[in-house]
């Protein structure tokens, strides 16, 4: 069985029409996902991922090769992805008001069985991570869904930010555990990246997706 999902490469527009365009894309993602998952009744637990450009598959040229879909294929479950490049718990992205605190209710409205919260890298230069993460993770854990929080990824281009990534990893782990959520530390995971030194290439997404699926196998079984 293939994964019942729709992949949309969310662009990062600027200018007055940026927010409207991003909302149109996100609305299209939700609409297509609803129709695809409705047609896959009995396909298995719904896996949802809220994330940034990594979950979006940015710079791969193949959004459906992004790691959430790899994990869905391995686990043989439908997948819903809400991804916005440049966003995070605090970071809004070039698309405007797209931080996780603004999007989490839309994701929970999909009634996922398992929710992966994957962000933090774009929050490297922002204050307020602990408070924002507490709001997002607390809201998610209180919904009754199984929640898995990922640490920030640490691509080669972030070698000079190791201390900050370690600090953020500790914050997210502490907040996750305080709400009874699971935590997966991927900050030490190595994977090939695209020419920008930040985003995983297709093989990198395969590696991340397989690691994630291994961590989720008991949650979706």
C-alpha atoms as a PDB file:
ATOM      1  CA  UNK A   1       0.000   0.000   0.000  1.00  0.00           C
ATOM      2  CA  UNK A   2       1.309   3.445  -0.844  1.00  0.00           C
ATOM      3  CA  UNK A   3       1.187   6.326   1.581  1.00  0.00           C
ATOM      4  CA  UNK A   4      -2.037   8.328   1.411  1.00  0.00           C
ATOM      5  CA  UNK A   5      -0.614  11.835   1.395  1.00  0.00           C
ATOM      6  CA  UNK A   6      -0.204  14.960  -0.660  1.00  0.00           C
ATOM      7  CA  UNK A   7       3.112  16.751  -0.931  1.00  0.00           C
ATOM      8  CA  UNK A   8       3.194  20.483  -1.518  1.00  0.00           C
ATOM      9  CA  UNK A   9       6.401  22.426  -1.847  1.00  0.00           C
ATOM     10  CA  UNK A  10       5.575  25.569   0.093  1.00  0.00           C
ATOM     11  CA  UNK A  11       7.373  28.482  -1.518  1.00  0.00           C
ATOM     12  CA  UNK A  12       8.757  31.384   0.481  1.00  0.00           C
ATOM     13  CA  UNK A  13       7.249  34.472  -1.178  1.00  0.00           C
ATOM     14  CA  UNK A  14       7.890  38.016  -0.134  1.00  0.00           C
ATOM     15  CA  UNK A  15       5.832  41.141  -0.613  1.00  0.00           C
ATOM     16  CA  UNK A  16       2.234  42.094   0.091  1.00  0.00           C
ATOM     17  CA  UNK A  17       0.751  38.935  -1.387  1.00  0.00           C
ATOM     18  CA  UNK A  18       3.082  36.550   0.449  1.00  0.00           C
ATOM     19  CA  UNK A  19       0.763  35.670   3.307  1.00  0.00           C
ATOM     20  CA  UNK A  20      -2.230  35.089   1.020  1.00  0.00           C
ATOM     21  CA  UNK A  21      -0.207  32.797  -1.227  1.00  0.00           C
ATOM     22  CA  UNK A  22       1.102  30.775   1.723  1.00  0.00           C
ATOM     23  CA  UNK A  23      -2.399  30.389   3.130  1.00  0.00           C
ATOM     24  CA  UNK A  24      -3.700  29.261  -0.247  1.00  0.00           C
ATOM     25  CA  UNK A  25      -0.998  26.605  -0.426  1.00  0.00           C
ATOM     26  CA  UNK A  26      -1.696  25.403   3.099  1.00  0.00           C
ATOM     27  CA  UNK A  27      -5.435  25.287   2.397  1.00  0.00           C
ATOM     28  CA  UNK A  28      -4.742  23.231  -0.729  1.00  0.00           C
ATOM     29  CA  UNK A  29      -2.596  20.856   1.331  1.00  0.00           C
ATOM     30  CA  UNK A  30      -5.393  20.339   3.850  1.00  0.00           C
ATOM     31  CA  UNK A  31      -8.046  19.866   1.161  1.00  0.00           C
ATOM     32  CA  UNK A  32      -6.042  17.327  -0.806  1.00  0.00           C
ATOM     33  CA  UNK A  33      -5.032  15.488   2.347  1.00  0.00           C
ATOM     34  CA  UNK A  34      -8.656  15.209   3.468  1.00  0.00           C
ATOM     35  CA  UNK A  35      -9.711  13.695   0.170  1.00  0.00           C
ATOM     36  CA  UNK A  36      -6.760  11.331  -0.039  1.00  0.00           C
ATOM     37  CA  UNK A  37      -7.053  10.022   3.508  1.00  0.00           C
ATOM     38  CA  UNK A  38     -10.832   9.687   3.183  1.00  0.00           C
ATOM     39  CA  UNK A  39     -10.193   7.368   0.229  1.00  0.00           C
ATOM     40  CA  UNK A  40      -7.751   5.340   2.329  1.00  0.00           C
ATOM     41  CA  UNK A  41     -10.156   4.314   5.068  1.00  0.00           C
ATOM     42  CA  UNK A  42      -8.595   1.623   7.210  1.00  0.00           C
ATOM     43  CA  UNK A  43      -5.117   2.391   5.912  1.00  0.00           C
ATOM     44  CA  UNK A  44      -3.750   2.716   9.433  1.00  0.00           C
ATOM     45  CA  UNK A  45      -3.052   5.355  12.042  1.00  0.00           C
ATOM     46  CA  UNK A  46      -2.581   8.894  10.773  1.00  0.00           C
ATOM     47  CA  UNK A  47       0.927  10.280  11.185  1.00  0.00           C
ATOM     48  CA  UNK A  48       1.135  14.084  11.193  1.00  0.00           C
ATOM     49  CA  UNK A  49       4.298  16.173  11.038  1.00  0.00           C
ATOM     50  CA  UNK A  50       4.526  19.892  11.738  1.00  0.00           C
ATOM     51  CA  UNK A  51       7.849  21.246  10.596  1.00  0.00           C
ATOM     52  CA  UNK A  52      10.012  23.588   8.593  1.00  0.00           C
ATOM     53  CA  UNK A  53      11.833  23.361   5.269  1.00  0.00           C
ATOM     54  CA  UNK A  54      13.219  19.940   6.182  1.00  0.00           C
ATOM     55  CA  UNK A  55       9.716  18.459   6.421  1.00  0.00           C
ATOM     56  CA  UNK A  56       8.905  20.399   3.262  1.00  0.00           C
ATOM     57  CA  UNK A  57      11.695  18.710   1.299  1.00  0.00           C
ATOM     58  CA  UNK A  58      13.110  22.045   0.228  1.00  0.00           C
ATOM     59  CA  UNK A  59      15.908  22.069  -2.363  1.00  0.00           C
ATOM     60  CA  UNK A  60      15.416  18.404  -3.247  1.00  0.00           C
ATOM     61  CA  UNK A  61      13.231  19.075  -6.271  1.00  0.00           C
ATOM     62  CA  UNK A  62      11.114  16.176  -5.017  1.00  0.00           C
ATOM     63  CA  UNK A  63       8.862  17.147  -2.096  1.00  0.00           C
ATOM     64  CA  UNK A  64       7.397  13.659  -1.806  1.00  0.00           C
ATOM     65  CA  UNK A  65      10.921  12.419  -1.059  1.00  0.00           C
ATOM     66  CA  UNK A  66      10.894  14.458   2.171  1.00  0.00           C
ATOM     67  CA  UNK A  67      11.556  12.467   5.307  1.00  0.00           C
ATOM     68  CA  UNK A  68       7.942  12.421   6.645  1.00  0.00           C
ATOM     69  CA  UNK A  69       6.832  10.553   3.528  1.00  0.00           C
ATOM     70  CA  UNK A  70       9.808   8.203   3.765  1.00  0.00           C
ATOM     71  CA  UNK A  71       8.730   7.358   7.314  1.00  0.00           C
ATOM     72  CA  UNK A  72       5.140   6.905   6.160  1.00  0.00           C
ATOM     73  CA  UNK A  73       6.220   4.521   3.413  1.00  0.00           C
ATOM     74  CA  UNK A  74       8.297   2.450   5.824  1.00  0.00           C
ATOM     75  CA  UNK A  75       5.485   2.312   8.380  1.00  0.00           C
ATOM     76  CA  UNK A  76       2.783   1.936   5.708  1.00  0.00           C
ATOM     77  CA  UNK A  77       0.563   4.663   7.183  1.00  0.00           C
ATOM     78  CA  UNK A  78      -1.089   7.818   5.812  1.00  0.00           C
ATOM     79  CA  UNK A  79       0.807  11.046   6.416  1.00  0.00           C
ATOM     80  CA  UNK A  80      -0.256  14.655   6.859  1.00  0.00           C
ATOM     81  CA  UNK A  81       2.519  17.251   6.603  1.00  0.00           C
ATOM     82  CA  UNK A  82       2.209  20.911   7.589  1.00  0.00           C
ATOM     83  CA  UNK A  83       5.573  22.355   6.551  1.00  0.00           C
ATOM     84  CA  UNK A  84       6.643  25.952   6.122  1.00  0.00           C
ATOM     85  CA  UNK A  85      10.199  26.907   5.168  1.00  0.00           C
ATOM     86  CA  UNK A  86      11.884  29.253   7.624  1.00  0.00           C
ATOM     87  CA  UNK A  87       9.413  28.612  10.436  1.00  0.00           C
ATOM     88  CA  UNK A  88       9.907  27.299  13.945  1.00  0.00           C
ATOM     89  CA  UNK A  89       8.448  27.446  17.414  1.00  0.00           C
ATOM     90  CA  UNK A  90       9.214  31.192  17.410  1.00  0.00           C
ATOM     91  CA  UNK A  91      10.453  31.955  13.858  1.00  0.00           C
ATOM     92  CA  UNK A  92       7.679  33.144  11.557  1.00  0.00           C
ATOM     93  CA  UNK A  93       9.277  32.372   8.153  1.00  0.00           C
ATOM     94  CA  UNK A  94       9.229  34.713   5.133  1.00  0.00           C
ATOM     95  CA  UNK A  95       5.593  33.720   4.700  1.00  0.00           C
ATOM     96  CA  UNK A  96       4.654  35.723   7.783  1.00  0.00           C
ATOM     97  CA  UNK A  97       2.698  34.418  10.765  1.00  0.00           C
ATOM     98  CA  UNK A  98       3.644  30.771  10.325  1.00  0.00           C
ATOM     99  CA  UNK A  99       5.370  29.830  13.559  1.00  0.00           C
ATOM    100  CA  UNK A 100       4.293  26.551  15.155  1.00  0.00           C
ATOM    101  CA  UNK A 101       2.192  28.328  17.754  1.00  0.00           C
ATOM    102  CA  UNK A 102       0.028  29.695  14.929  1.00  0.00           C
ATOM    103  CA  UNK A 103      -0.288  26.397  13.043  1.00  0.00           C
ATOM    104  CA  UNK A 104      -0.605  23.694  15.664  1.00  0.00           C
ATOM    105  CA  UNK A 105      -4.394  23.889  15.977  1.00  0.00           C
ATOM    106  CA  UNK A 106      -4.804  23.261  12.234  1.00  0.00           C
ATOM    107  CA  UNK A 107      -2.631  20.173  12.514  1.00  0.00           C
ATOM    108  CA  UNK A 108      -4.484  18.851  15.558  1.00  0.00           C
ATOM    109  CA  UNK A 109      -7.771  19.390  13.710  1.00  0.00           C
ATOM    110  CA  UNK A 110      -6.675  16.542  11.434  1.00  0.00           C
ATOM    111  CA  UNK A 111      -7.024  14.282  14.509  1.00  0.00           C
ATOM    112  CA  UNK A 112      -3.681  12.500  14.053  1.00  0.00           C
ATOM    113  CA  UNK A 113      -2.885   9.357  15.998  1.00  0.00           C
ATOM    114  CA  UNK A 114       0.771  10.347  16.149  1.00  0.00           C
ATOM    115  CA  UNK A 115       2.169  13.874  15.852  1.00  0.00           C
ATOM    116  CA  UNK A 116       5.822  14.645  15.197  1.00  0.00           C
ATOM    117  CA  UNK A 117       6.908  18.181  16.094  1.00  0.00           C
ATOM    118  CA  UNK A 118      10.094  18.853  14.170  1.00  0.00           C
ATOM    119  CA  UNK A 119      11.672  22.275  14.454  1.00  0.00           C
ATOM    120  CA  UNK A 120      14.060  24.513  16.294  1.00  0.00           C
ATOM    121  CA  UNK A 121      16.825  25.108  13.775  1.00  0.00           C
ATOM    122  CA  UNK A 122      15.227  28.328  12.566  1.00  0.00           C
ATOM    123  CA  UNK A 123      14.924  29.459  16.182  1.00  0.00           C
ATOM    124  CA  UNK A 124      18.698  29.575  16.619  1.00  0.00           C
ATOM    125  CA  UNK A 125      18.745  33.372  16.749  1.00  0.00           C
ATOM    126  CA  UNK A 126      15.416  33.855  18.542  1.00  0.00           C
ATOM    127  CA  UNK A 127      14.572  34.164  22.214  1.00  0.00           C
ATOM    128  CA  UNK A 128      11.493  32.591  23.774  1.00  0.00           C
ATOM    129  CA  UNK A 129      11.978  28.982  22.635  1.00  0.00           C
ATOM    130  CA  UNK A 130      11.023  27.409  25.965  1.00  0.00           C
ATOM    131  CA  UNK A 131       7.793  29.366  26.291  1.00  0.00           C
ATOM    132  CA  UNK A 132       6.739  28.718  22.687  1.00  0.00           C
ATOM    133  CA  UNK A 133       7.663  25.039  22.864  1.00  0.00           C
ATOM    134  CA  UNK A 134       5.710  24.686  26.104  1.00  0.00           C
ATOM    135  CA  UNK A 135       2.629  26.117  24.399  1.00  0.00           C
ATOM    136  CA  UNK A 136       2.910  23.922  21.291  1.00  0.00           C
ATOM    137  CA  UNK A 137       3.885  20.679  23.005  1.00  0.00           C
ATOM    138  CA  UNK A 138       1.471  21.193  25.876  1.00  0.00           C
ATOM    139  CA  UNK A 139      -1.429  21.851  23.506  1.00  0.00           C
ATOM    140  CA  UNK A 140      -0.523  18.771  21.465  1.00  0.00           C
ATOM    141  CA  UNK A 141      -0.053  16.415  24.406  1.00  0.00           C
ATOM    142  CA  UNK A 142      -3.332  17.616  25.910  1.00  0.00           C
ATOM    143  CA  UNK A 143      -5.211  16.656  22.739  1.00  0.00           C
ATOM    144  CA  UNK A 144      -4.803  12.936  23.365  1.00  0.00           C
ATOM    145  CA  UNK A 145      -2.540  12.282  20.378  1.00  0.00           C
ATOM    146  CA  UNK A 146       0.797  10.535  20.801  1.00  0.00           C
ATOM    147  CA  UNK A 147       3.437  13.264  20.539  1.00  0.00           C
ATOM    148  CA  UNK A 148       7.062  12.876  19.476  1.00  0.00           C
ATOM    149  CA  UNK A 149       9.302  15.948  19.687  1.00  0.00           C
ATOM    150  CA  UNK A 150      12.504  16.114  17.635  1.00  0.00           C
ATOM    151  CA  UNK A 151      15.593  18.063  18.589  1.00  0.00           C
ATOM    152  CA  UNK A 152      16.941  20.536  16.041  1.00  0.00           C
ATOM    153  CA  UNK A 153      18.954  18.999  13.230  1.00  0.00           C
ATOM    154  CA  UNK A 154      22.605  20.036  13.042  1.00  0.00           C
ATOM    155  CA  UNK A 155      23.731  20.213   9.404  1.00  0.00           C
ATOM    156  CA  UNK A 156      27.355  20.922   8.414  1.00  0.00           C
ATOM    157  CA  UNK A 157      26.684  24.646   7.953  1.00  0.00           C
ATOM    158  CA  UNK A 158      25.797  24.878  11.652  1.00  0.00           C
ATOM    159  CA  UNK A 159      29.120  23.596  12.967  1.00  0.00           C
ATOM    160  CA  UNK A 160      29.789  26.935  14.654  1.00  0.00           C
ATOM    161  CA  UNK A 161      26.442  26.791  16.482  1.00  0.00           C
ATOM    162  CA  UNK A 162      26.981  23.493  18.282  1.00  0.00           C
ATOM    163  CA  UNK A 163      26.679  24.993  21.762  1.00  0.00           C
ATOM    164  CA  UNK A 164      23.401  26.717  20.932  1.00  0.00           C
ATOM    165  CA  UNK A 165      21.965  23.563  19.344  1.00  0.00           C
ATOM    166  CA  UNK A 166      22.890  21.584  22.458  1.00  0.00           C
ATOM    167  CA  UNK A 167      21.156  24.214  24.588  1.00  0.00           C
ATOM    168  CA  UNK A 168      18.029  24.073  22.431  1.00  0.00           C
ATOM    169  CA  UNK A 169      18.044  20.278  22.473  1.00  0.00           C
ATOM    170  CA  UNK A 170      18.083  20.313  26.270  1.00  0.00           C
ATOM    171  CA  UNK A 171      15.220  22.816  26.370  1.00  0.00           C
ATOM    172  CA  UNK A 172      13.032  20.794  24.005  1.00  0.00           C
ATOM    173  CA  UNK A 173      13.752  17.540  25.804  1.00  0.00           C
ATOM    174  CA  UNK A 174      12.876  19.094  29.150  1.00  0.00           C
ATOM    175  CA  UNK A 175       9.626  20.566  27.852  1.00  0.00           C
ATOM    176  CA  UNK A 176       8.657  17.343  26.055  1.00  0.00           C
ATOM    177  CA  UNK A 177       9.170  15.234  29.159  1.00  0.00           C
ATOM    178  CA  UNK A 178       7.252  17.718  31.312  1.00  0.00           C
ATOM    179  CA  UNK A 179       4.184  17.037  29.150  1.00  0.00           C
ATOM    180  CA  UNK A 180       4.685  13.281  28.863  1.00  0.00           C
ATOM    181  CA  UNK A 181       5.730  13.512  25.219  1.00  0.00           C
ATOM    182  CA  UNK A 182       8.413  11.363  23.636  1.00  0.00           C
ATOM    183  CA  UNK A 183      11.698  12.953  22.586  1.00  0.00           C
ATOM    184  CA  UNK A 184      14.051  11.978  19.773  1.00  0.00           C
ATOM    185  CA  UNK A 185      17.491  13.570  19.647  1.00  0.00           C
ATOM    186  CA  UNK A 186      18.561  13.904  16.001  1.00  0.00           C
ATOM    187  CA  UNK A 187      21.179  16.600  16.613  1.00  0.00           C
ATOM    188  CA  UNK A 188      23.966  14.053  16.153  1.00  0.00           C
ATOM    189  CA  UNK A 189      22.477  12.418  13.073  1.00  0.00           C
ATOM    190  CA  UNK A 190      24.708  12.673  10.011  1.00  0.00           C
ATOM    191  CA  UNK A 191      23.224  12.857   6.518  1.00  0.00           C
ATOM    192  CA  UNK A 192      24.246  14.231   3.108  1.00  0.00           C
ATOM    193  CA  UNK A 193      23.048  17.726   2.270  1.00  0.00           C
ATOM    194  CA  UNK A 194      22.451  19.876  -0.777  1.00  0.00           C
ATOM    195  CA  UNK A 195      24.894  22.522  -1.948  1.00  0.00           C
ATOM    196  CA  UNK A 196      23.734  25.029   0.659  1.00  0.00           C
ATOM    197  CA  UNK A 197      25.198  22.902   3.446  1.00  0.00           C
ATOM    198  CA  UNK A 198      21.900  23.022   5.348  1.00  0.00           C
ATOM    199  CA  UNK A 199      19.133  21.035   3.693  1.00  0.00           C
ATOM    200  CA  UNK A 200      19.206  17.246   3.276  1.00  0.00           C
ATOM    201  CA  UNK A 201      19.359  15.864  -0.230  1.00  0.00           C
ATOM    202  CA  UNK A 202      17.154  12.946  -1.248  1.00  0.00           C
ATOM    203  CA  UNK A 203      19.502  10.432   0.350  1.00  0.00           C
ATOM    204  CA  UNK A 204      19.619  12.566   3.486  1.00  0.00           C
ATOM    205  CA  UNK A 205      15.843  12.498   3.691  1.00  0.00           C
ATOM    206  CA  UNK A 206      15.891   8.719   3.310  1.00  0.00           C
ATOM    207  CA  UNK A 207      18.265   8.436   6.265  1.00  0.00           C
ATOM    208  CA  UNK A 208      16.198  10.779   8.435  1.00  0.00           C
ATOM    209  CA  UNK A 209      12.943   9.083   7.476  1.00  0.00           C
ATOM    210  CA  UNK A 210      14.238   5.630   8.330  1.00  0.00           C
ATOM    211  CA  UNK A 211      15.524   6.812  11.714  1.00  0.00           C
ATOM    212  CA  UNK A 212      12.168   8.425  12.420  1.00  0.00           C
ATOM    213  CA  UNK A 213      10.193   5.369  11.355  1.00  0.00           C
ATOM    214  CA  UNK A 214      12.249   3.185  13.676  1.00  0.00           C
ATOM    215  CA  UNK A 215      11.445   5.520  16.564  1.00  0.00           C
ATOM    216  CA  UNK A 216       7.727   5.517  15.701  1.00  0.00           C
ATOM    217  CA  UNK A 217       7.154   1.848  15.013  1.00  0.00           C
ATOM    218  CA  UNK A 218       5.643   1.144  18.449  1.00  0.00           C
ATOM    219  CA  UNK A 219       3.449   4.266  18.293  1.00  0.00           C
ATOM    220  CA  UNK A 220       1.777   3.357  14.987  1.00  0.00           C
ATOM    221  CA  UNK A 221       1.764  -0.388  15.405  1.00  0.00           C
END
